[in-house]
Every structure is written in C-alpha cells, then in structure tokens.
Amino acid sequence: MGADMYLYMDIGAPELLIVRTHAGHTFADNEKLTVTLDMNKALFFDKDTMDNLAY
C-alpha cells in the first residue's frame, strides 16, 4: 500500500469528487462522509485535458 488513498465520491453533481487522503484511514464502501476542503491545498483539473486550472 502507498501513503495515499483516493476516494471517488458521489456528491450529487454530474461528476465525482476525487479526494486524496492518508492511507491509514479506513472507510466502508458507500459510507456517508462529511468532507471539509482546505481551499489553500485544493487542486482543480480540466476533466478532458487534465490541465491544472490554476495555471
């Protein structure tokens, strides 16, 4: 296992929210989670080109 785990979250939008978290956390499939985003660390990418939208 690596140091990170990726969660693919259905937030009711047309696209999934992908969250990277520490692999030490454990989650059950379909578990409901509350997510708080640190916008100073958030990264956003174009879904088609995968370009970072900050640049």
Protein backbone atom coordinates (compact mmCIF):
# COMPACT_ATOMS: atom_id res chain seq x y z
CA MET A 1 0.00 0.00 0.00
CA GLY A 2 1.09 3.55 -0.69
CA ALA A 3 0.93 6.58 1.54
CA ASP A 4 -2.23 7.92 -0.12
CA MET A 5 -5.72 6.63 -0.85
CA TYR A 6 -8.17 8.09 -3.37
CA LEU A 7 -11.90 8.30 -2.63
CA TYR A 8 -14.33 8.68 -5.53
CA MET A 9 -17.32 10.47 -4.01
CA ASP A 10 -20.81 10.95 -5.44
CA ILE A 11 -21.79 14.46 -4.36
CA GLY A 12 -24.94 14.70 -6.45
CA ALA A 13 -23.19 16.56 -9.27
CA PRO A 14 -22.65 15.27 -12.82
CA GLU A 15 -19.04 14.37 -11.94
CA LEU A 16 -17.49 12.57 -8.99
CA LEU A 17 -15.37 14.39 -6.41
CA ILE A 18 -11.97 12.70 -6.11
CA VAL A 19 -10.37 13.12 -2.69
CA ARG A 20 -6.81 12.12 -1.77
CA THR A 21 -6.38 11.16 1.86
CA HIS A 22 -3.89 9.32 4.06
CA ALA A 23 -4.00 5.56 3.53
CA GLY A 24 -4.18 4.98 7.28
CA HIS A 25 -7.85 5.95 7.32
CA THR A 26 -10.44 3.21 6.87
CA PHE A 27 -13.76 3.65 5.10
CA ALA A 28 -16.55 1.25 4.20
CA ASP A 29 -17.99 1.11 0.67
CA ASN A 30 -20.94 3.51 0.36
CA GLU A 31 -20.18 5.04 3.76
CA LYS A 32 -21.55 8.58 4.11
CA LEU A 33 -18.79 11.06 4.92
CA THR A 34 -18.55 14.72 5.79
CA VAL A 35 -15.73 16.37 3.84
CA THR A 36 -14.10 19.70 4.63
CA LEU A 37 -11.90 21.16 1.90
CA ASP A 38 -8.80 23.20 2.63
CA MET A 39 -9.01 25.54 -0.35
CA ASN A 40 -5.35 26.53 0.17
CA LYS A 41 -4.40 22.96 -0.76
CA ALA A 42 -7.16 22.16 -3.27
CA LEU A 43 -6.21 21.46 -6.88
CA PHE A 44 -8.61 21.61 -9.81
CA PHE A 45 -8.12 19.95 -13.19
CA ASP A 46 -9.93 20.07 -16.51
CA LYS A 47 -11.65 16.68 -16.88
CA ASP A 48 -10.89 16.42 -20.61
CA THR A 49 -7.33 17.72 -20.85
CA MET A 50 -6.21 17.05 -17.26
CA ASP A 51 -4.65 20.54 -17.28
CA ASN A 52 -4.29 22.18 -13.88
CA LEU A 53 -6.82 25.05 -13.88
CA ALA A 54 -4.64 27.23 -11.62
CA TYR A 55 -2.12 27.84 -14.43
